[in-house]
Amino acid sequence: MGSATVFGVEELMKLHRGFVQRGEGKRLGRMVKIVLGEVPRDVPLNLLPEEIAAEGRTLDWFDQGPLIGLSPADVDLLVTTPIVPLPDKPKPGFHSPAVSQQDIDRAIATTGKWSPAKAPLVRQVPEDRGARRIKNSNILVFEPVHQVLFRPIGINVFGCVQAFEDPGSTTKMTFLWDFDNGNGYFYGGRFVVKL
């Protein structure tokens, strides 16, 4: 079980950048999704009700997320490569229209193939997913982090980083996304890695 060290944000960012630049720690895999908990008070949320009902509040990179790892002694969860913008995702709540067998046969006869209708894609706007901005910066703060799903390197399964409140510091895991340089940081709380 790891525990994100409790430093000020600037000190933590500098510490994490140092670990990454020196190649210290262990690689876990490619981050797929961050599942966020309840939106803190006074934080704007601009998600479709269908998305909240189906998926909750998430940041989804699918197969395009950054690599993550653990710091020396497994104390901190690190983002070890730059973060790309969130990709478009299938519209939540989309239901494929019913198609008759005649329509399927007609499509196969004319084009040689048939496939069901795909959900239209919608943009994932980070600010709409419930975030605060650090004053005078281009850093968004997403809290609390509930889980971080990742694809381990060389294994065809999903891994999970389960986040908890740290009883000693009463902090919850938070994700910081620095849009100026594409870096990400996990801060506070405790966690356990599950495969």
Protein backbone atom coordinates (compact mmCIF):
# COMPACT_ATOMS: atom_id res chain seq x y z
CA MET A 1 0.00 0.00 0.00
CA GLY A 2 1.40 3.36 -1.01
CA SER A 3 0.80 6.77 0.37
CA ALA A 4 1.30 9.91 -1.63
CA THR A 5 3.75 12.01 0.33
CA VAL A 6 2.37 15.16 1.86
CA PHE A 7 4.35 18.09 0.50
CA GLY A 8 3.17 21.37 -0.88
CA VAL A 9 2.03 21.10 -4.51
CA GLU A 10 5.16 22.77 -5.93
CA GLU A 11 7.48 20.53 -3.89
CA LEU A 12 5.56 17.41 -4.89
CA MET A 13 5.67 18.35 -8.59
CA LYS A 14 9.43 18.94 -8.37
CA LEU A 15 9.95 15.63 -6.52
CA HIS A 16 7.89 13.67 -9.07
CA ARG A 17 9.64 15.34 -12.04
CA GLY A 18 12.97 14.32 -10.50
CA PHE A 19 11.92 10.67 -10.14
CA VAL A 20 10.71 10.61 -13.75
CA GLN A 21 13.79 12.37 -15.19
CA ARG A 22 16.14 10.00 -13.37
CA GLY A 23 14.09 6.93 -14.36
CA GLU A 24 13.61 5.92 -10.72
CA GLY A 25 10.80 3.67 -9.59
CA LYS A 26 8.72 0.94 -11.25
CA ARG A 27 6.62 1.09 -14.40
CA LEU A 28 3.01 -0.05 -14.02
CA GLY A 29 1.48 0.44 -17.47
CA ARG A 30 -0.66 2.74 -19.61
CA MET A 31 -3.35 4.73 -17.83
CA VAL A 32 -6.78 4.07 -19.31
CA LYS A 33 -9.17 5.94 -17.04
CA ILE A 34 -9.39 7.93 -13.83
CA VAL A 35 -12.61 7.37 -11.90
CA LEU A 36 -13.41 10.36 -9.74
CA GLY A 37 -15.56 10.43 -6.63
CA GLU A 38 -18.25 12.87 -5.56
CA VAL A 39 -17.82 16.41 -6.85
CA PRO A 40 -16.54 18.76 -4.14
CA ARG A 41 -18.84 21.61 -3.15
CA ASP A 42 -18.75 24.67 -5.42
CA VAL A 43 -16.99 22.79 -8.24
CA PRO A 44 -18.80 23.16 -11.58
CA LEU A 45 -19.86 19.98 -13.36
CA ASN A 46 -21.15 20.09 -16.93
CA LEU A 47 -21.77 16.44 -17.86
CA LEU A 48 -24.82 14.94 -19.50
CA PRO A 49 -27.12 13.22 -16.99
CA GLU A 50 -26.86 10.07 -19.15
CA GLU A 51 -23.08 10.04 -18.71
CA ILE A 52 -23.30 10.53 -14.96
CA ALA A 53 -25.85 7.70 -14.69
CA ALA A 54 -23.90 5.30 -16.95
CA GLU A 55 -20.27 6.04 -16.07
CA GLY A 56 -20.03 8.57 -13.29
CA ARG A 57 -17.36 11.25 -13.43
CA THR A 58 -14.34 9.97 -15.35
CA LEU A 59 -11.34 11.02 -17.42
CA ASP A 60 -11.12 8.45 -20.24
CA TRP A 61 -8.00 8.06 -22.37
CA PHE A 62 -8.88 4.55 -23.64
CA ASP A 63 -5.64 3.31 -25.27
CA GLN A 64 -4.04 6.75 -25.52
CA GLY A 65 -3.23 7.50 -21.88
CA PRO A 66 0.18 8.26 -20.40
CA LEU A 67 2.39 5.68 -18.72
CA ILE A 68 2.21 5.51 -14.93
CA GLY A 69 4.53 4.02 -12.34
CA LEU A 70 5.51 3.99 -8.71
CA SER A 71 8.23 6.07 -7.06
CA PRO A 72 11.09 4.39 -5.20
CA ALA A 73 9.75 2.41 -2.22
CA ASP A 74 6.27 2.50 -3.85
CA VAL A 75 5.35 5.68 -1.98
CA ASP A 76 3.93 7.85 -4.79
CA LEU A 77 1.93 7.15 -7.95
CA LEU A 78 3.73 8.82 -10.86
CA VAL A 79 2.68 9.91 -14.35
CA THR A 80 5.86 9.14 -16.30
CA THR A 81 5.02 10.39 -19.82
CA PRO A 82 3.20 13.49 -21.10
CA ILE A 83 -0.58 13.53 -21.03
CA VAL A 84 -2.37 13.84 -24.36
CA PRO A 85 -5.75 15.59 -24.60
CA LEU A 86 -8.76 13.46 -23.76
CA PRO A 87 -10.02 11.74 -26.93
CA ASP A 88 -13.61 11.90 -28.10
CA LYS A 89 -15.77 9.16 -26.63
CA PRO A 90 -18.99 7.40 -27.67
CA LYS A 91 -22.05 9.39 -26.63
CA PRO A 92 -23.37 7.99 -23.33
CA GLY A 93 -26.88 6.59 -23.46
CA PHE A 94 -26.80 5.94 -27.23
CA HIS A 95 -29.03 3.06 -28.28
CA SER A 96 -28.58 1.52 -31.69
CA PRO A 97 -31.85 1.59 -33.64
CA ALA A 98 -33.57 -1.73 -34.29
CA VAL A 99 -32.78 -3.19 -37.70
CA SER A 100 -34.78 -5.86 -39.46
CA GLN A 101 -33.22 -8.96 -40.99
CA GLN A 102 -34.37 -7.65 -44.38
CA ASP A 103 -32.34 -4.45 -43.89
CA ILE A 104 -29.30 -6.49 -42.90
CA ASP A 105 -29.66 -8.77 -45.93
CA ARG A 106 -30.14 -5.75 -48.23
CA ALA A 107 -26.98 -4.07 -46.88
CA ILE A 108 -24.97 -7.26 -47.34
CA ALA A 109 -26.30 -7.73 -50.89
CA THR A 110 -25.44 -4.15 -51.94
CA THR A 111 -22.20 -3.48 -50.05
CA GLY A 112 -21.00 -6.94 -49.06
CA LYS A 113 -21.13 -6.15 -45.35
CA TRP A 114 -23.28 -4.89 -42.49
CA SER A 115 -22.44 -3.43 -39.13
CA PRO A 116 -24.65 -1.95 -36.43
CA ALA A 117 -24.92 1.81 -36.03
CA LYS A 118 -22.13 3.29 -33.93
CA ALA A 119 -22.63 5.87 -31.24
CA PRO A 120 -21.74 9.39 -32.29
CA LEU A 121 -18.57 10.71 -30.67
CA VAL A 122 -18.65 13.58 -28.17
CA ARG A 123 -15.79 15.71 -26.86
CA GLN A 124 -14.46 15.20 -23.36
CA VAL A 125 -13.78 18.67 -22.03
CA PRO A 126 -11.64 18.39 -18.87
CA GLU A 127 -13.12 21.51 -17.28
CA ASP A 128 -16.65 20.07 -17.65
CA ARG A 129 -15.75 16.99 -15.61
CA GLY A 130 -15.63 18.80 -12.27
CA ALA A 131 -12.30 20.51 -11.68
CA ARG A 132 -10.79 23.45 -9.88
CA ARG A 133 -7.98 25.56 -11.30
CA ILE A 134 -4.95 26.43 -9.21
CA LYS A 135 -4.92 30.22 -8.95
CA ASN A 136 -2.77 32.01 -11.55
CA SER A 137 -1.93 28.75 -13.33
CA ASN A 138 -3.05 26.44 -16.10
CA ILE A 139 -3.29 23.46 -13.72
CA LEU A 140 -6.62 21.70 -13.21
CA VAL A 141 -7.28 19.83 -9.95
CA PHE A 142 -9.55 16.77 -10.04
CA GLU A 143 -10.60 15.37 -6.68
CA PRO A 144 -11.18 12.96 -5.14
CA VAL A 145 -9.66 10.15 -7.20
CA HIS A 146 -11.44 6.87 -6.53
CA GLN A 147 -9.61 4.56 -8.97
CA VAL A 148 -7.00 4.67 -11.70
CA LEU A 149 -7.40 1.94 -14.29
CA PHE A 150 -4.36 0.94 -16.35
CA ARG A 151 -3.10 -1.68 -18.78
CA PRO A 152 -0.01 -3.38 -17.34
CA ILE A 153 2.95 -3.62 -19.68
CA GLY A 154 3.19 -7.05 -21.32
CA ILE A 155 0.04 -8.49 -19.68
CA ASN A 156 -3.38 -8.57 -21.33
CA VAL A 157 -5.41 -7.62 -18.25
CA PHE A 158 -6.48 -4.41 -16.54
CA GLY A 159 -4.83 -3.17 -13.38
CA CYS A 160 -6.35 -0.86 -10.81
CA VAL A 161 -4.97 1.64 -8.36
CA GLN A 162 -7.55 1.90 -5.59
CA ALA A 163 -7.37 5.22 -3.71
CA PHE A 164 -8.30 5.79 -0.04
CA GLU A 165 -8.32 8.68 2.36
CA ASP A 166 -5.11 8.87 4.38
CA PRO A 167 -6.24 8.77 8.03
CA GLY A 168 -3.02 10.44 9.21
CA SER A 169 -3.20 13.49 6.97
CA THR A 170 -6.96 13.27 6.14
CA THR A 171 -6.06 13.86 2.49
CA LYS A 172 -7.74 12.16 -0.47
CA MET A 173 -5.93 11.36 -3.69
CA THR A 174 -6.08 14.24 -6.14
CA PHE A 175 -5.04 14.41 -9.79
CA LEU A 176 -3.27 17.56 -11.03
CA TRP A 177 -3.11 18.17 -14.80
CA ASP A 178 -0.65 20.86 -15.91
CA PHE A 179 -1.82 21.99 -19.35
CA ASP A 180 1.25 24.16 -19.93
CA ASN A 181 3.61 21.18 -20.21
CA GLY A 182 1.29 18.15 -20.36
CA ASN A 183 2.46 16.73 -17.02
CA GLY A 184 0.22 15.00 -14.51
CA TYR A 185 0.64 14.38 -10.78
CA PHE A 186 -1.17 12.37 -8.13
CA TYR A 187 -1.20 14.05 -4.73
CA GLY A 188 -2.36 13.03 -1.25
CA GLY A 189 -4.33 10.05 0.02
CA ARG A 190 -3.26 6.43 0.13
CA PHE A 191 -3.50 3.73 -2.52
CA VAL A 192 -3.09 0.04 -3.27
CA VAL A 193 -2.25 -1.47 -6.68
CA LYS A 194 -4.30 -4.48 -7.80
CA LEU A 195 -3.78 -6.71 -10.83
